Amino acid sequence: KNKMIDYKKIDWSKAATDTLTDYEQAKAKAATNSTQRKGVDLTKYFTIALKNGEDQGEKSIRILPNQDDPTKWYKVGYFHNVKIGNRYTKLYDPAQDNEPSPLNDAYKYLMGTGDSEDRKAANSYRSRQYFIVRCIERGKEAEGIKFWRFPAVQDGSGIMDKIAPLVKKYGAFWNPFEGYDITMSIIRDKSRDKVGYSKVSSIIPDRESKLYEDENQAIQILEDPMVWTDVFRKKSNDYLLLVAEGSEPMWDAELKKFVGKVEDGISTYQPKEAPVEKTTYETPSNNTSQQSVTTESTTTQTESQAQPVAASGDLKIDDLPF
């Protein structure tokens, strides 16, 4: 016989909590499977881009501690900001993993020819330093962990220059239980063109608060295993080699590899003496880090702390590093 259940002795509060936990886990698993199928989940990218027609706005985030060292709140990564076709794309620099880098080879080659025009061209292939933070966006907590990438600059106008001073005045803002959210005031800067671009004008701290009132929900977010390299993914060597050669890579389903895009029977390949691919490459050194730090005045719109705005006002694939 089945044992009679005493429903009065059931902890219904715990049952409700467990149900919500199961739901959130199932939703997270479905999101992960969706990401694996599609290759990219735009909700994982935090962007400061204003919507079309907006000239100013605010966004609030809670920056989270690093998984490997909770006393730190940001990571440093290196990316190439290169033009592929008609758009600029940030490509992960494999040299930071001690792997071959055709784009770094192109940079070294062009810098070494002694030609002034080549030196100008080399700047397009230079690896640049970026900061990456893990956060949640207030008002969009259901989207979970997001990653925000912004460039290192040396003229004092960068995002890091606005956030770092908060530590001295308010302490560890990334403390999930006694820290605080930060709110960014964003404006549309039209100094370069009529359309303009989104730019952080100021960052202010909110009052001290918990990441979530529900501690279990906070722990679930903090223990999310997703890291920035899952979002800003590394491209294959053959893809990078095509970019270094001046081609626009396209995936060929029959050949099962990337090939140069062909338009109207004409390849996008731009003939030039390409460097010989190396089997090894040094990771960016401290000197490289200093060289890769750029000023706001010398960067292009796509590589500054400003974010481009889509015609529809939403985040575009073109704005992301794919």
Protein backbone atom coordinates (compact mmCIF):
# COMPACT_ATOMS: atom_id res chain seq x y z
CA LYS A 1 0.00 0.00 0.00
CA ASN A 2 1.05 3.54 -0.61
CA LYS A 3 1.98 5.47 2.53
CA MET A 4 -0.53 8.14 3.47
CA ILE A 5 0.94 11.63 3.01
CA ASP A 6 0.44 14.09 5.83
CA TYR A 7 0.06 17.29 3.83
CA LYS A 8 -0.01 19.40 6.98
CA LYS A 9 3.60 18.48 7.70
CA ILE A 10 4.89 19.55 4.31
CA ASP A 11 7.02 22.68 4.29
CA TRP A 12 5.06 24.53 1.63
CA SER A 13 7.30 27.58 1.80
CA LYS A 14 10.32 25.44 0.93
CA ALA A 15 8.29 23.70 -1.78
CA ALA A 16 7.52 27.04 -3.38
CA THR A 17 11.16 28.12 -3.19
CA ASP A 18 12.33 24.81 -4.69
CA THR A 19 9.83 25.17 -7.52
CA LEU A 20 11.10 28.63 -8.35
CA THR A 21 14.68 27.36 -8.22
CA ASP A 22 13.83 24.48 -10.57
CA TYR A 23 12.15 26.94 -12.92
CA GLU A 24 15.13 29.30 -12.97
CA GLN A 25 17.54 26.39 -13.56
CA ALA A 26 15.42 25.05 -16.40
CA LYS A 27 15.22 28.53 -17.93
CA ALA A 28 18.99 28.96 -17.62
CA LYS A 29 19.58 25.57 -19.22
CA ALA A 30 17.25 26.44 -22.10
CA ALA A 31 19.10 29.73 -22.60
CA THR A 32 22.42 27.89 -22.65
CA ASN A 33 21.14 25.42 -25.22
CA SER A 34 19.80 28.29 -27.31
CA THR A 35 23.16 30.03 -27.16
CA GLN A 36 24.94 26.87 -28.26
CA ARG A 37 22.61 26.49 -31.23
CA LYS A 38 22.68 30.11 -32.39
CA GLY A 39 26.29 30.79 -31.45
CA VAL A 40 25.50 34.15 -29.86
CA ASP A 41 23.13 35.48 -27.22
CA LEU A 42 22.84 39.25 -27.47
CA THR A 43 21.49 39.49 -23.93
CA LYS A 44 24.96 38.64 -22.63
CA TYR A 45 26.40 41.93 -23.91
CA PHE A 46 25.87 45.07 -21.88
CA THR A 47 25.80 48.15 -24.09
CA ILE A 48 25.42 51.84 -23.35
CA ALA A 49 23.80 52.50 -26.75
CA LEU A 50 20.83 54.87 -26.59
CA LYS A 51 17.71 54.02 -28.53
CA ASN A 52 17.01 55.75 -31.82
CA GLY A 53 15.73 59.27 -31.18
CA GLU A 54 17.08 59.47 -27.64
CA ASP A 55 19.68 62.13 -26.86
CA GLN A 56 20.20 61.16 -23.23
CA GLY A 57 19.36 58.44 -20.77
CA GLU A 58 20.46 56.40 -17.77
CA LYS A 59 21.41 52.78 -17.18
CA SER A 60 22.11 51.05 -13.90
CA ILE A 61 24.20 47.94 -13.37
CA ARG A 62 25.59 45.92 -10.49
CA ILE A 63 29.19 44.93 -11.12
CA LEU A 64 29.98 41.46 -9.81
CA PRO A 65 33.20 40.09 -8.33
CA ASN A 66 35.44 37.90 -10.48
CA GLN A 67 34.80 34.18 -10.07
CA ASP A 68 38.47 33.24 -9.60
CA ASP A 69 39.30 36.15 -7.27
CA PRO A 70 36.31 37.91 -5.66
CA THR A 71 38.56 40.72 -4.41
CA LYS A 72 38.83 41.88 -8.04
CA TRP A 73 36.03 43.19 -10.25
CA TYR A 74 37.45 43.38 -13.77
CA LYS A 75 39.50 41.41 -16.26
CA VAL A 76 41.94 42.64 -18.90
CA GLY A 77 41.72 41.39 -22.47
CA TYR A 78 43.31 42.28 -25.80
CA PHE A 79 41.43 42.76 -29.06
CA HIS A 80 42.08 43.94 -32.60
CA ASN A 81 39.62 46.55 -33.85
CA VAL A 82 39.68 45.87 -37.59
CA LYS A 83 37.49 46.77 -40.53
CA ILE A 84 35.91 43.73 -42.16
CA GLY A 85 33.82 44.63 -45.18
CA ASN A 86 31.92 47.79 -44.27
CA ARG A 87 32.06 47.50 -40.49
CA TYR A 88 34.55 47.46 -37.65
CA THR A 89 34.80 44.33 -35.54
CA LYS A 90 36.74 43.58 -32.38
CA LEU A 91 38.60 40.31 -32.68
CA TYR A 92 40.05 38.44 -29.72
CA ASP A 93 43.87 38.45 -29.81
CA PRO A 94 45.03 34.82 -29.52
CA ALA A 95 48.52 36.02 -28.58
CA GLN A 96 47.25 36.45 -25.02
CA ASP A 97 46.89 32.66 -24.97
CA ASN A 98 50.37 32.10 -26.44
CA GLU A 99 48.83 31.14 -29.78
CA PRO A 100 49.69 32.22 -33.35
CA SER A 101 48.23 35.56 -34.40
CA PRO A 102 48.12 36.45 -38.11
CA LEU A 103 46.96 39.97 -37.26
CA ASN A 104 49.94 40.55 -34.98
CA ASP A 105 52.19 39.14 -37.69
CA ALA A 106 50.68 41.66 -40.13
CA TYR A 107 51.28 44.45 -37.63
CA LYS A 108 54.94 43.50 -37.14
CA TYR A 109 55.49 43.08 -40.86
CA LEU A 110 54.03 46.48 -41.78
CA MET A 111 55.87 48.22 -38.95
CA GLY A 112 59.13 46.74 -40.19
CA THR A 113 59.04 47.77 -43.85
CA GLY A 114 60.29 51.29 -43.16
CA ASP A 115 57.47 52.75 -45.27
CA SER A 116 55.40 55.51 -43.62
CA GLU A 117 52.19 54.39 -45.31
CA ASP A 118 52.74 50.84 -44.07
CA ARG A 119 53.20 52.16 -40.54
CA LYS A 120 49.82 53.90 -40.79
CA ALA A 121 48.25 50.72 -42.12
CA ALA A 122 49.83 48.72 -39.28
CA ASN A 123 47.76 50.62 -36.74
CA SER A 124 44.68 48.77 -37.99
CA TYR A 125 46.20 45.47 -36.88
CA ARG A 126 47.48 46.57 -33.49
CA SER A 127 46.25 44.70 -30.42
CA ARG A 128 44.53 46.98 -27.92
CA GLN A 129 43.83 46.64 -24.22
CA TYR A 130 40.27 46.48 -22.88
CA PHE A 131 38.66 46.08 -19.49
CA ILE A 132 35.83 43.57 -19.09
CA VAL A 133 33.40 43.47 -16.17
CA ARG A 134 30.75 40.94 -15.24
CA CYS A 135 27.45 42.53 -14.25
CA ILE A 136 23.68 42.40 -14.18
CA GLU A 137 21.60 45.20 -15.69
CA ARG A 138 18.92 46.62 -13.45
CA GLY A 139 15.52 46.34 -15.04
CA LYS A 140 16.74 43.36 -17.04
CA GLU A 141 17.70 40.99 -14.23
CA ALA A 142 15.88 38.13 -15.98
CA GLU A 143 18.56 38.20 -18.71
CA GLY A 144 21.16 37.14 -16.13
CA ILE A 145 24.89 37.74 -16.36
CA LYS A 146 26.12 40.31 -18.87
CA PHE A 147 29.62 41.40 -19.85
CA TRP A 148 30.69 44.98 -20.48
CA ARG A 149 33.86 45.71 -22.42
CA PHE A 150 35.43 49.15 -22.63
CA PRO A 151 38.85 50.35 -23.81
CA ALA A 152 41.77 51.46 -21.69
CA VAL A 153 42.61 55.10 -22.36
CA GLN A 154 45.37 57.27 -20.99
CA ASP A 155 43.92 60.77 -21.05
CA GLY A 156 41.71 60.36 -18.00
CA SER A 157 38.43 60.31 -19.94
CA GLY A 158 37.82 56.57 -19.95
CA ILE A 159 35.17 54.49 -18.24
CA MET A 160 37.76 53.11 -15.82
CA ASP A 161 38.70 56.66 -14.85
CA LYS A 162 35.10 57.25 -13.83
CA ILE A 163 34.62 53.98 -11.93
CA ALA A 164 37.94 53.51 -10.11
CA PRO A 165 37.63 56.67 -7.93
CA LEU A 166 34.44 55.22 -6.43
CA VAL A 167 36.53 52.61 -4.62
CA LYS A 168 38.49 55.24 -2.71
CA LYS A 169 35.37 57.13 -1.67
CA TYR A 170 32.82 54.35 -1.15
CA GLY A 171 34.76 51.10 -0.83
CA ALA A 172 34.21 47.76 -2.59
CA PHE A 173 31.12 48.53 -4.67
CA TRP A 174 31.22 44.99 -6.10
CA ASN A 175 30.48 43.45 -2.69
CA PRO A 176 27.28 41.48 -3.44
CA PHE A 177 25.85 42.01 0.05
CA GLU A 178 27.11 45.44 1.15
CA GLY A 179 28.05 47.05 -2.16
CA TYR A 180 25.99 49.23 -4.46
CA ASP A 181 24.74 49.65 -8.00
CA ILE A 182 26.21 52.29 -10.27
CA THR A 183 24.14 54.49 -12.56
CA MET A 184 25.50 55.91 -15.79
CA SER A 185 24.31 59.13 -17.36
CA ILE A 186 24.54 58.69 -21.13
CA ILE A 187 24.42 61.39 -23.79
CA ARG A 188 24.46 61.39 -27.56
CA ASP A 189 27.64 63.12 -28.74
CA LYS A 190 27.10 64.67 -32.18
CA SER A 191 30.50 66.30 -32.47
CA ARG A 192 31.57 63.83 -35.17
CA ASP A 193 28.41 63.55 -37.25
CA LYS A 194 24.67 64.25 -37.21
CA VAL A 195 23.73 60.78 -36.02
CA GLY A 196 26.09 60.89 -33.04
CA TYR A 197 27.10 58.12 -30.70
CA SER A 198 26.33 57.15 -27.13
CA LYS A 199 28.83 58.30 -24.52
CA VAL A 200 28.98 57.99 -20.73
CA SER A 201 29.06 61.50 -19.25
CA SER A 202 29.12 60.52 -15.59
CA ILE A 203 28.87 57.55 -13.24
CA ILE A 204 27.34 57.88 -9.79
CA PRO A 205 26.88 55.29 -7.01
CA ASP A 206 23.46 54.35 -5.70
CA ARG A 207 22.73 53.68 -2.04
CA GLU A 208 24.21 50.59 -0.38
CA SER A 209 22.17 47.52 -1.21
CA LYS A 210 22.25 43.78 -1.67
CA LEU A 211 22.68 42.20 -5.09
CA TYR A 212 19.28 40.56 -4.48
CA GLU A 213 17.09 40.49 -1.40
CA ASP A 214 16.81 36.74 -1.91
CA GLU A 215 20.23 35.41 -0.91
CA ASN A 216 19.71 32.16 -2.84
CA GLN A 217 19.09 34.14 -6.01
CA ALA A 218 22.25 36.14 -5.38
CA ILE A 219 24.31 32.99 -4.87
CA GLN A 220 22.90 31.52 -8.08
CA ILE A 221 24.03 34.57 -10.06
CA LEU A 222 27.43 34.70 -8.36
CA GLU A 223 28.07 31.03 -9.11
CA ASP A 224 27.10 31.31 -12.78
CA PRO A 225 30.06 29.66 -14.54
CA MET A 226 29.94 31.88 -17.63
CA VAL A 227 33.17 33.83 -18.20
CA TRP A 228 34.03 36.66 -20.58
CA THR A 229 35.80 34.37 -23.03
CA ASP A 230 32.51 32.50 -23.49
CA VAL A 231 31.03 35.73 -24.83
CA PHE A 232 33.94 37.48 -26.57
CA ARG A 233 34.99 34.36 -28.41
CA LYS A 234 38.21 33.62 -30.17
CA LYS A 235 38.10 33.25 -33.95
CA SER A 236 39.86 30.42 -35.74
CA ASN A 237 43.32 30.95 -37.18
CA ASP A 238 42.09 30.60 -40.78
CA TYR A 239 39.50 33.33 -40.13
CA LEU A 240 42.14 35.69 -38.75
CA LEU A 241 44.49 34.91 -41.61
CA LEU A 242 41.83 35.94 -44.14
CA VAL A 243 41.28 39.22 -42.27
CA ALA A 244 45.04 39.85 -42.20
CA GLU A 245 45.11 39.33 -45.97
CA GLY A 246 42.35 41.90 -46.49
CA SER A 247 39.52 39.45 -47.13
CA GLU A 248 36.04 39.37 -45.65
CA PRO A 249 35.67 35.83 -44.25
CA MET A 250 32.55 33.86 -45.09
CA TRP A 251 31.72 30.31 -44.01
CA ASP A 252 31.65 27.83 -46.88
CA ALA A 253 29.28 25.00 -45.93
CA GLU A 254 30.61 22.69 -48.64
CA LEU A 255 34.29 23.21 -47.89
CA LYS A 256 33.52 23.45 -44.17
CA LYS A 257 35.91 26.35 -43.68
CA PHE A 258 36.11 30.12 -43.95
CA VAL A 259 36.83 31.58 -47.39
CA GLY A 260 37.12 35.12 -48.73
CA LYS A 261 33.77 36.65 -49.66
CA VAL A 262 33.16 36.98 -53.39
CA GLU A 263 30.88 39.70 -54.76
CA ASP A 264 29.80 39.73 -58.41
CA GLY A 265 32.57 37.30 -59.21
CA ILE A 266 35.20 39.52 -57.56
CA SER A 267 36.94 38.37 -54.40
CA THR A 268 37.19 40.76 -51.47
CA TYR A 269 40.84 39.81 -51.21
CA GLN A 270 43.05 42.85 -51.54
CA PRO A 271 46.43 41.85 -53.00
CA LYS A 272 49.38 42.79 -50.85
CA GLU A 273 52.48 41.11 -49.60
CA ALA A 274 51.21 39.19 -46.59
CA PRO A 275 53.48 38.12 -43.73
CA VAL A 276 54.38 34.47 -43.32
CA GLU A 277 52.28 32.84 -40.64
CA LYS A 278 54.23 32.01 -37.48
CA THR A 279 53.86 28.95 -35.31
CA THR A 280 54.38 30.85 -32.06
CA TYR A 281 53.79 34.35 -30.84
CA GLU A 282 54.60 36.18 -27.63
CA THR A 283 51.76 37.31 -25.41
CA PRO A 284 51.30 41.05 -25.03
CA SER A 285 54.04 42.32 -22.72
CA ASN A 286 53.84 45.20 -20.29
CA ASN A 287 55.29 47.44 -22.98
CA THR A 288 52.63 46.24 -25.38
CA SER A 289 50.02 47.06 -22.79
CA GLN A 290 51.25 50.61 -22.58
CA GLN A 291 51.35 50.93 -26.35
CA SER A 292 47.86 49.54 -26.66
CA VAL A 293 46.38 52.12 -24.31
CA THR A 294 44.78 54.71 -26.58
CA THR A 295 43.42 58.18 -26.07
CA GLU A 296 39.87 59.21 -26.78
CA SER A 297 41.05 61.75 -29.33
CA THR A 298 43.00 59.28 -31.45
CA THR A 299 40.60 56.34 -31.53
CA THR A 300 37.89 55.75 -34.10
CA GLN A 301 34.27 55.87 -33.05
CA THR A 302 33.99 52.10 -32.95
CA GLU A 303 36.94 51.63 -30.63
CA SER A 304 36.26 54.44 -28.17
CA GLN A 305 34.25 54.13 -24.98
CA ALA A 306 31.28 55.34 -27.01
CA GLN A 307 28.86 52.81 -28.45
CA PRO A 308 27.43 53.04 -31.98
CA VAL A 309 23.68 53.27 -32.30
CA ALA A 310 21.70 51.09 -34.65
CA ALA A 311 19.23 52.67 -37.02
CA SER A 312 16.47 50.87 -35.12
CA GLY A 313 17.89 51.96 -31.80
CA ASP A 314 18.78 48.41 -30.79
CA LEU A 315 22.07 46.61 -30.42
CA LYS A 316 23.45 45.45 -33.75
CA ILE A 317 25.55 42.42 -34.54
CA ASP A 318 27.91 44.92 -36.19
CA ASP A 319 28.62 46.39 -32.76
CA LEU A 320 29.80 43.06 -31.41
CA PRO A 321 33.06 41.13 -31.82
CA PHE A 322 32.06 38.40 -34.25
